[in-house]
N, C-alpha and C. Protein backbone atom coordinates (compact mmCIF):
# COMPACT_ATOMS: atom_id res chain seq x y z
N MET A 1 20.31 -18.54 4.45
CA MET A 1 20.44 -17.36 3.95
C MET A 1 19.01 -16.62 3.47
N PRO A 2 18.42 -15.49 3.98
CA PRO A 2 17.06 -14.91 3.92
C PRO A 2 17.09 -14.46 2.19
N ARG A 3 15.81 -14.70 2.06
CA ARG A 3 15.32 -14.49 0.42
C ARG A 3 15.47 -13.13 0.34
N THR A 4 15.75 -12.43 -0.78
CA THR A 4 15.66 -11.01 -1.37
C THR A 4 14.09 -10.76 -1.52
N LYS A 5 13.71 -9.58 -1.39
CA LYS A 5 12.51 -9.53 -1.73
C LYS A 5 12.32 -9.10 -3.20
N GLU A 6 11.58 -9.58 -3.99
CA GLU A 6 11.23 -9.34 -5.25
C GLU A 6 10.14 -8.35 -5.64
N TYR A 7 9.94 -7.49 -4.83
CA TYR A 7 8.93 -6.29 -4.98
C TYR A 7 9.75 -5.11 -4.34
N VAL A 8 8.91 -3.65 -4.85
CA VAL A 8 9.39 -2.79 -4.43
C VAL A 8 8.31 -2.13 -3.69
N ARG A 9 8.42 -1.94 -2.43
CA ARG A 9 7.45 -1.48 -0.99
C ARG A 9 6.73 -0.37 -1.66
N GLU A 10 7.23 0.60 -2.10
CA GLU A 10 6.71 1.63 -2.44
C GLU A 10 5.65 1.65 -3.46
N GLU A 11 5.76 0.63 -4.59
CA GLU A 11 5.10 0.29 -5.83
C GLU A 11 3.73 -0.63 -5.25
N VAL A 12 4.10 -1.63 -4.16
CA VAL A 12 3.04 -2.34 -3.71
C VAL A 12 2.18 -1.52 -2.86
N LEU A 13 2.86 -0.37 -2.10
CA LEU A 13 1.70 0.35 -1.53
C LEU A 13 0.85 1.34 -2.45
N GLU A 14 1.45 2.21 -3.37
CA GLU A 14 0.82 2.56 -4.71
C GLU A 14 -0.38 1.77 -5.27
N ALA A 15 0.03 0.60 -5.56
CA ALA A 15 -0.92 -0.33 -6.14
C ALA A 15 -2.20 -0.70 -5.37
N ALA A 16 -1.73 -0.88 -3.96
CA ALA A 16 -2.74 -1.30 -2.88
C ALA A 16 -3.82 -0.11 -2.40
N THR A 17 -3.14 1.20 -2.43
CA THR A 17 -3.62 2.27 -2.25
C THR A 17 -4.68 2.54 -3.39
N ARG A 18 -4.63 2.43 -4.65
CA ARG A 18 -5.58 2.58 -5.89
C ARG A 18 -6.55 1.38 -5.68
N VAL A 19 -6.25 0.46 -5.07
CA VAL A 19 -7.64 -0.62 -4.94
C VAL A 19 -8.34 -0.24 -3.69
N PHE A 20 -7.75 0.29 -2.68
CA PHE A 20 -8.57 0.73 -1.56
C PHE A 20 -9.49 2.01 -2.02
N TRP A 21 -8.76 2.91 -2.71
CA TRP A 21 -9.61 4.15 -3.21
C TRP A 21 -10.71 3.66 -4.17
N GLU A 22 -10.44 2.61 -5.01
CA GLU A 22 -11.51 2.22 -5.99
C GLU A 22 -12.58 1.30 -5.41
N ARG A 23 -12.11 0.68 -4.55
CA ARG A 23 -13.51 -0.23 -4.08
C ARG A 23 -13.78 -0.06 -2.63
N GLY A 24 -13.17 0.82 -1.48
CA GLY A 24 -13.61 1.01 -0.31
C GLY A 24 -12.74 -0.16 0.30
N TYR A 25 -12.60 -0.01 1.58
CA TYR A 25 -11.79 -1.06 2.57
C TYR A 25 -12.66 -2.08 2.68
N GLU A 26 -14.18 -2.07 2.69
CA GLU A 26 -14.81 -3.56 2.78
C GLU A 26 -14.92 -3.91 1.73
N GLY A 27 -14.81 -3.08 0.61
CA GLY A 27 -15.14 -3.57 -0.78
C GLY A 27 -13.83 -4.46 -1.38
N THR A 28 -12.68 -4.12 -0.45
CA THR A 28 -11.58 -4.78 -1.07
C THR A 28 -11.24 -6.12 -0.42
N SER A 29 -10.82 -7.20 -1.27
CA SER A 29 -10.39 -8.51 -0.65
C SER A 29 -9.14 -8.68 -0.73
N VAL A 30 -8.46 -9.67 0.04
CA VAL A 30 -7.09 -9.98 -0.04
C VAL A 30 -6.72 -10.26 -1.55
N GLU A 31 -7.74 -11.06 -2.11
CA GLU A 31 -7.44 -11.51 -3.45
C GLU A 31 -7.31 -10.14 -4.34
N ASN A 32 -8.20 -9.18 -4.20
CA ASN A 32 -8.01 -8.23 -5.10
C ASN A 32 -6.57 -7.45 -5.12
N LEU A 33 -6.04 -7.60 -3.66
CA LEU A 33 -4.64 -6.71 -3.31
C LEU A 33 -3.52 -7.89 -3.80
N VAL A 34 -3.69 -8.91 -3.94
CA VAL A 34 -2.55 -9.59 -4.45
C VAL A 34 -2.90 -9.66 -5.92
N THR A 35 -3.86 -9.45 -6.76
CA THR A 35 -4.14 -9.43 -7.79
C THR A 35 -3.38 -8.07 -8.23
N ALA A 36 -3.71 -6.80 -7.63
CA ALA A 36 -3.34 -5.61 -7.97
C ALA A 36 -1.69 -5.51 -7.78
N THR A 37 -1.18 -6.13 -6.49
CA THR A 37 -0.11 -5.64 -6.15
C THR A 37 1.13 -6.89 -6.88
N GLY A 38 0.59 -7.94 -7.05
CA GLY A 38 1.42 -8.89 -7.88
C GLY A 38 2.16 -9.82 -6.73
N LEU A 39 1.86 -9.11 -5.39
CA LEU A 39 2.64 -10.17 -4.14
C LEU A 39 1.84 -11.41 -4.13
N HIS A 40 2.57 -12.45 -3.62
CA HIS A 40 2.04 -13.77 -3.37
C HIS A 40 1.77 -13.35 -2.12
N ARG A 41 0.54 -14.06 -1.48
CA ARG A 41 -0.39 -14.02 -0.22
C ARG A 41 0.81 -13.86 1.11
N ARG A 42 1.49 -15.07 0.98
CA ARG A 42 2.80 -15.23 1.86
C ARG A 42 3.56 -13.96 1.94
N SER A 43 3.95 -13.26 1.05
CA SER A 43 4.84 -12.11 0.88
C SER A 43 3.87 -11.01 1.56
N MET A 44 2.74 -11.00 1.15
CA MET A 44 1.93 -9.75 1.63
C MET A 44 1.71 -9.97 3.34
N TYR A 45 1.26 -10.97 3.91
CA TYR A 45 1.44 -11.40 5.01
C TYR A 45 2.70 -11.23 5.73
N GLY A 46 3.66 -11.65 5.09
CA GLY A 46 4.90 -11.61 5.62
C GLY A 46 5.29 -10.06 5.99
N GLU A 47 5.16 -9.46 4.81
CA GLU A 47 5.67 -7.82 4.73
C GLU A 47 4.37 -7.06 6.13
N PHE A 48 3.39 -7.21 5.86
CA PHE A 48 2.17 -6.31 6.48
C PHE A 48 1.36 -6.84 7.57
N GLY A 49 1.46 -8.15 7.81
CA GLY A 49 0.86 -8.99 8.54
C GLY A 49 -0.74 -9.60 8.05
N ASP A 50 -1.70 -8.38 7.61
CA ASP A 50 -2.86 -8.89 7.31
C ASP A 50 -3.59 -7.43 6.33
N LYS A 51 -4.59 -7.50 6.15
CA LYS A 51 -5.26 -6.48 5.23
C LYS A 51 -5.27 -5.33 6.17
N ASP A 52 -5.57 -5.32 7.06
CA ASP A 52 -5.22 -4.05 8.00
C ASP A 52 -4.02 -3.34 8.15
N GLY A 53 -3.13 -4.37 8.19
CA GLY A 53 -1.58 -3.91 8.10
C GLY A 53 -1.20 -3.03 6.84
N LEU A 54 -1.76 -3.80 5.71
CA LEU A 54 -1.72 -3.16 4.74
C LEU A 54 -2.06 -1.68 4.35
N PHE A 55 -3.39 -1.73 4.51
CA PHE A 55 -4.19 -0.47 4.82
C PHE A 55 -3.52 0.64 5.65
N LEU A 56 -3.26 0.20 6.93
CA LEU A 56 -2.41 1.13 7.77
C LEU A 56 -0.90 1.79 7.25
N ALA A 57 -0.51 0.79 6.17
CA ALA A 57 0.81 1.27 5.47
C ALA A 57 0.92 1.95 4.38
N CYS A 58 -0.93 1.71 3.91
CA CYS A 58 -1.05 2.71 2.56
C CYS A 58 -1.20 4.33 3.09
N ILE A 59 -1.84 4.39 4.37
CA ILE A 59 -2.44 5.37 4.88
C ILE A 59 -0.85 6.17 5.32
N ASP A 60 -0.21 5.37 5.92
CA ASP A 60 1.11 5.86 6.16
C ASP A 60 2.00 6.61 4.83
N HIS A 61 2.11 5.81 4.06
CA HIS A 61 2.74 5.92 2.73
C HIS A 61 2.29 7.48 2.02
N TYR A 62 0.80 7.42 2.07
CA TYR A 62 0.13 8.46 1.51
C TYR A 62 0.55 9.70 2.19
N VAL A 63 0.32 9.82 3.52
CA VAL A 63 0.42 10.79 4.59
C VAL A 63 1.95 11.27 4.21
N ASN A 64 3.19 10.33 4.25
CA ASN A 64 4.50 11.08 4.13
C ASN A 64 4.83 11.25 2.50
N THR A 65 3.85 10.95 1.66
CA THR A 65 4.40 11.31 0.01
C THR A 65 3.20 12.66 -0.30
N THR A 66 2.03 11.87 -0.84
CA THR A 66 1.33 12.88 -1.48
C THR A 66 0.63 14.02 -0.52
N ALA A 67 0.18 13.65 0.94
CA ALA A 67 -0.32 14.53 1.66
C ALA A 67 0.91 15.80 2.22
N LYS A 68 2.10 15.25 2.64
CA LYS A 68 3.04 15.82 2.71
C LYS A 68 3.48 17.08 1.56
N HIS A 69 3.57 16.68 0.39
CA HIS A 69 3.89 17.32 -0.82
C HIS A 69 2.72 18.49 -0.90
N LEU A 70 1.51 17.96 -0.78
CA LEU A 70 0.36 19.17 -0.72
C LEU A 70 0.54 20.16 0.17
N MET A 71 0.80 19.73 1.36
CA MET A 71 1.07 20.92 2.55
C MET A 71 2.18 21.93 2.30
N VAL A 72 3.52 21.26 1.92
CA VAL A 72 4.61 21.89 1.55
C VAL A 72 4.01 23.08 0.22
N THR A 73 3.13 22.58 -0.58
CA THR A 73 2.84 23.64 -1.89
C THR A 73 1.93 24.47 -1.08
N LEU A 74 1.04 23.93 -0.39
CA LEU A 74 0.04 24.98 0.07
C LEU A 74 0.54 25.97 0.85
N GLN A 75 1.69 25.78 1.71
CA GLN A 75 2.34 26.56 2.45
C GLN A 75 3.27 27.55 1.73
N ALA A 76 3.62 27.15 0.60
CA ALA A 76 4.61 28.11 -0.12
C ALA A 76 3.55 29.02 -0.78
N SER A 77 2.53 28.63 -1.35
CA SER A 77 1.48 29.70 -1.77
C SER A 77 1.21 30.91 -1.10
């Protein structure tokens, strides 16, 4: 029986996004991401593949939440 996830993907993406914003991509280590998200390395690699995969997931999440909300707000003005 597969293990259940012990994290909320959206919360992980938001925490990782903050780290990337603060440190930049090059300045962000996997250890920084593990610490900020609370994920185990194995869970991070299993869910996102690697740092690049997590970064791309953060961008996708940002576009589908924050940026989309901004566009709707601007278009309504």
